Protein backbone atom coordinates (compact mmCIF):
# COMPACT_ATOMS: atom_id res chain seq x y z
CA UNK A 1 -14.69 -88.52 -74.88
CA UNK A 2 -17.02 -90.18 -72.41
CA UNK A 3 -19.57 -88.48 -70.25
CA UNK A 4 -19.99 -88.93 -66.54
CA UNK A 5 -23.57 -89.11 -65.30
CA UNK A 6 -24.58 -89.24 -61.65
CA UNK A 7 -27.99 -90.62 -60.71
CA UNK A 8 -29.58 -89.92 -57.33
CA UNK A 9 -33.17 -91.13 -57.50
CA UNK A 10 -35.36 -93.47 -55.56
CA UNK A 11 -36.48 -96.19 -55.68
CA UNK A 12 -33.25 -98.06 -56.36
CA UNK A 13 -34.96 -100.07 -59.11
CA UNK A 14 -35.62 -96.86 -61.07
CA UNK A 15 -31.99 -95.87 -60.55
CA UNK A 16 -30.78 -99.20 -61.95
CA UNK A 17 -33.19 -98.93 -64.89
CA UNK A 18 -31.88 -95.46 -65.79
CA UNK A 19 -28.30 -96.75 -65.54
CA UNK A 20 -29.10 -99.62 -67.92
CA UNK A 21 -30.76 -97.26 -70.43
CA UNK A 22 -27.81 -94.86 -70.35
CA UNK A 23 -25.30 -97.68 -70.84
CA UNK A 24 -27.40 -98.92 -73.77
CA UNK A 25 -27.41 -95.43 -75.30
CA UNK A 26 -23.67 -94.89 -74.82
CA UNK A 27 -21.61 -97.78 -73.37
CA UNK A 28 -18.67 -95.41 -72.78
CA UNK A 29 -20.61 -93.25 -70.34
CA UNK A 30 -19.49 -93.50 -66.72
CA UNK A 31 -22.57 -93.84 -64.50
CA UNK A 32 -22.30 -93.13 -60.77
CA UNK A 33 -25.18 -94.15 -58.49
CA UNK A 34 -25.72 -92.19 -55.29
CA UNK A 35 -28.05 -93.20 -52.51
CA UNK A 36 -30.57 -90.47 -51.80
CA UNK A 37 -29.82 -91.00 -48.11
CA UNK A 38 -26.23 -89.77 -48.60
CA UNK A 39 -25.16 -86.14 -48.47
CA UNK A 40 -26.19 -85.61 -52.07
CA UNK A 41 -24.59 -82.19 -52.54
CA UNK A 42 -21.23 -83.45 -51.25
CA UNK A 43 -21.49 -86.57 -53.43
CA UNK A 44 -22.23 -84.44 -56.50
CA UNK A 45 -19.18 -82.28 -55.88
CA UNK A 46 -16.96 -85.38 -55.79
CA UNK A 47 -18.53 -87.07 -58.80
CA UNK A 48 -17.20 -84.68 -61.46
CA UNK A 49 -20.36 -85.29 -63.45
CA UNK A 50 -21.45 -83.75 -66.71
CA UNK A 51 -25.10 -84.64 -66.08
CA UNK A 52 -26.90 -85.21 -62.78
CA UNK A 53 -30.28 -86.96 -62.70
CA UNK A 54 -32.34 -86.43 -59.54
CA UNK A 55 -35.90 -86.82 -58.26
CA UNK A 56 -37.96 -83.64 -58.25
CA UNK A 57 -37.94 -83.52 -54.43
CA UNK A 58 -34.12 -83.69 -54.32
CA UNK A 59 -33.85 -80.93 -56.92
CA UNK A 60 -36.27 -78.74 -54.95
CA UNK A 61 -34.14 -79.37 -51.84
CA UNK A 62 -31.00 -78.38 -53.72
CA UNK A 63 -32.73 -75.24 -55.01
CA UNK A 64 -33.79 -74.39 -51.45
CA UNK A 65 -30.23 -74.58 -50.09
CA UNK A 66 -28.77 -73.13 -53.28
CA UNK A 67 -27.37 -75.60 -55.79
CA UNK A 68 -24.13 -73.69 -56.06
CA UNK A 69 -23.82 -72.79 -52.38
CA UNK A 70 -20.39 -74.10 -51.37
CA UNK A 71 -20.12 -76.44 -54.33
CA UNK A 72 -19.74 -75.23 -57.90
CA UNK A 73 -22.17 -77.20 -60.04
CA UNK A 74 -22.65 -74.47 -62.60
CA UNK A 75 -21.15 -76.57 -65.42
CA UNK A 76 -23.44 -79.52 -64.71
CA UNK A 77 -26.65 -80.23 -66.59
CA UNK A 78 -29.49 -81.26 -64.32
CA UNK A 79 -32.26 -83.62 -65.38
CA UNK A 80 -35.20 -83.99 -63.03
CA UNK A 81 -37.20 -87.19 -63.11
CA UNK A 82 -40.77 -87.01 -61.88
CA UNK A 83 -43.99 -88.91 -62.20
CA UNK A 84 -46.15 -86.24 -63.74
CA UNK A 85 -45.52 -83.43 -66.17
CA UNK A 86 -46.73 -81.18 -63.33
CA UNK A 87 -43.32 -81.80 -61.69
CA UNK A 88 -41.74 -80.04 -64.68
CA UNK A 89 -43.90 -76.93 -64.40
CA UNK A 90 -41.69 -74.93 -62.01
CA UNK A 91 -38.30 -75.97 -63.39
CA UNK A 92 -35.90 -73.45 -64.94
CA UNK A 93 -35.51 -73.63 -68.73
CA UNK A 94 -31.99 -75.05 -68.49
CA UNK A 95 -33.11 -78.06 -66.41
CA UNK A 96 -34.26 -81.14 -68.32
CA UNK A 97 -37.26 -83.22 -67.35
CA UNK A 98 -38.13 -86.88 -67.87
CA UNK A 99 -41.10 -88.76 -66.49
CA UNK A 100 -40.87 -92.21 -64.95
CA UNK A 101 -44.36 -92.83 -66.33
CA UNK A 102 -43.37 -92.34 -69.98
CA UNK A 103 -43.20 -95.42 -72.21
CA UNK A 104 -39.70 -96.90 -72.27
CA UNK A 105 -39.12 -95.82 -75.89
CA UNK A 106 -39.88 -92.18 -75.11
CA UNK A 107 -37.75 -92.31 -71.97
CA UNK A 108 -34.82 -93.76 -73.94
CA UNK A 109 -35.22 -91.15 -76.70
CA UNK A 110 -35.25 -88.27 -74.23
CA UNK A 111 -32.21 -89.60 -72.35
CA UNK A 112 -30.40 -90.04 -75.68
CA UNK A 113 -31.28 -86.47 -76.65
CA UNK A 114 -29.87 -85.15 -73.35
CA UNK A 115 -26.70 -87.27 -73.62
CA UNK A 116 -26.02 -86.24 -77.23
CA UNK A 117 -26.79 -82.60 -76.50
CA UNK A 118 -24.39 -82.58 -73.56
CA UNK A 119 -21.66 -84.26 -75.60
CA UNK A 120 -22.13 -81.64 -78.31
CA UNK A 121 -21.96 -78.80 -75.80
CA UNK A 122 -18.71 -80.23 -74.45
CA UNK A 123 -17.23 -80.35 -77.94
CA UNK A 124 -17.59 -84.07 -78.59
CA UNK A 125 -18.58 -84.59 -82.19
CA UNK A 126 -19.43 -88.22 -81.47
CA UNK A 127 -16.44 -89.67 -83.23
CA UNK A 128 -14.10 -91.83 -81.24
CA UNK A 129 -10.73 -93.21 -82.14
CA UNK A 130 -10.88 -96.58 -83.87
CA UNK A 131 -8.60 -99.10 -82.15
CA UNK A 132 -5.98 -101.12 -84.02
CA UNK A 133 -8.06 -104.29 -83.53
CA UNK A 134 -11.07 -102.48 -85.01
CA UNK A 135 -8.96 -101.39 -87.99
CA UNK A 136 -8.08 -105.07 -88.55
CA UNK A 137 -11.78 -105.97 -88.40
CA UNK A 138 -12.67 -103.15 -90.84
CA UNK A 139 -9.99 -104.40 -93.23
CA UNK A 140 -11.36 -107.96 -93.04
CA UNK A 141 -14.97 -106.81 -93.54
CA UNK A 142 -13.94 -104.69 -96.53
CA UNK A 143 -12.18 -107.72 -98.00
CA UNK A 144 -15.43 -109.69 -97.81
CA UNK A 145 -14.67 -112.07 -94.94
CA UNK A 146 -17.59 -113.47 -92.95
CA UNK A 147 -17.80 -113.01 -89.17
CA UNK A 148 -16.67 -116.63 -88.67
CA UNK A 149 -13.69 -116.14 -91.01
CA UNK A 150 -12.76 -112.90 -89.21
CA UNK A 151 -13.02 -114.67 -85.85
CA UNK A 152 -10.81 -117.56 -86.98
CA UNK A 153 -8.24 -115.25 -88.58
CA UNK A 154 -7.97 -113.01 -85.48
CA UNK A 155 -8.26 -115.81 -82.89
CA UNK A 156 -11.41 -114.33 -81.32
CA UNK A 157 -14.97 -115.58 -80.96
CA UNK A 158 -17.69 -114.75 -83.52
CA UNK A 159 -19.53 -112.96 -80.68
CA UNK A 160 -16.50 -110.67 -80.21
CA UNK A 161 -16.52 -109.93 -83.94
CA UNK A 162 -20.19 -108.89 -83.69
CA UNK A 163 -19.33 -106.63 -80.74
CA UNK A 164 -16.46 -105.06 -82.72
CA UNK A 165 -18.78 -104.50 -85.70
CA UNK A 166 -21.33 -102.72 -83.46
CA UNK A 167 -18.61 -100.53 -81.93
CA UNK A 168 -17.19 -99.69 -85.36
CA UNK A 169 -20.64 -98.79 -86.66
CA UNK A 170 -21.30 -96.60 -83.61
CA UNK A 171 -17.92 -94.85 -83.76
CA UNK A 172 -17.89 -94.21 -87.49
CA UNK A 173 -21.61 -93.91 -88.13
CA UNK A 174 -21.22 -96.36 -91.03
CA UNK A 175 -23.69 -99.21 -91.19
CA UNK A 176 -23.03 -100.84 -94.58
CA UNK A 177 -20.22 -103.04 -95.86
CA UNK A 178 -19.81 -100.78 -98.88
CA UNK A 179 -19.44 -97.78 -96.55
CA UNK A 180 -16.78 -99.60 -94.52
CA UNK A 181 -15.01 -100.57 -97.75
CA UNK A 182 -14.86 -96.93 -98.82
CA UNK A 183 -13.65 -95.97 -95.33
CA UNK A 184 -10.94 -98.68 -95.52
CA UNK A 185 -9.74 -97.44 -98.93
CA UNK A 186 -9.75 -93.75 -97.96
CA UNK A 187 -7.88 -94.51 -94.72
CA UNK A 188 -5.39 -96.78 -96.53
CA UNK A 189 -6.38 -99.91 -94.62
CA UNK A 190 -6.74 -101.66 -97.99
CA UNK A 191 -5.98 -100.66 -101.55
CA UNK A 192 -8.37 -100.44 -104.47
CA UNK A 193 -6.53 -103.42 -105.99
CA UNK A 194 -7.39 -105.52 -102.90
CA UNK A 195 -11.07 -104.87 -103.56
CA UNK A 196 -10.72 -105.65 -107.28
CA UNK A 197 -8.86 -108.89 -106.47
CA UNK A 198 -11.72 -110.21 -104.33
CA UNK A 199 -14.21 -109.83 -107.21
C-alpha cells in the first residue's frame, strides 16, 4: 500500500525539499504539490490524500473557515510546518508539527515517524509484495552470486541489481545475505541442498 501526501507550502523550494525527503523515506508514496495560490480546500478534496502538509498560516485559514466545511477531510492527517515551535503552540493534539528550521536529520526523522504512523493506522504493516524479478534476485543472492554475476545472468545492469537489493531489503526488512538465504529457503525459492552445493 502506498500513501498519498499533499504538500501546500511556500516557498516552492521548501515544497520541493519536503517532496524529496518523503520520496527518500518511502519511494512508493505519491506526492502531490499544490500551489498555495490555488483554492487549497478544493485541491485537498480532489487529492484523496492520507496526509496533508501545510504552512501554519494555511492551516489557521482552514480552521477559520472550518476544515470540514463542505469537504470531508476528517480521515486526513494534517502536518503543519512552521518556522518556530511557537507555531505549534495552538495546534490540536491530532495535528503534527515540523519546523523548517530543524536540522535536516531531525526533519527527516519526524517525517518518517508521521509516514510510518499513518501507514500503521491505515493497516499497512510495511510489507509489500516481492515481485517475480525480486524473487529471482533473492535466489541469486542466496546462491552466492555477486552483483555483476546477477546482472549478467538476468541481462540487467549492476546498478539495477543494487536498486533491486535496496527494494528487497526495504520490503522484507532483511539486510544480510544469510537472512535472505533463510528467506529463500523458507519461501521455497531455493532448497537446502542448493545452499550445501555452493559450499
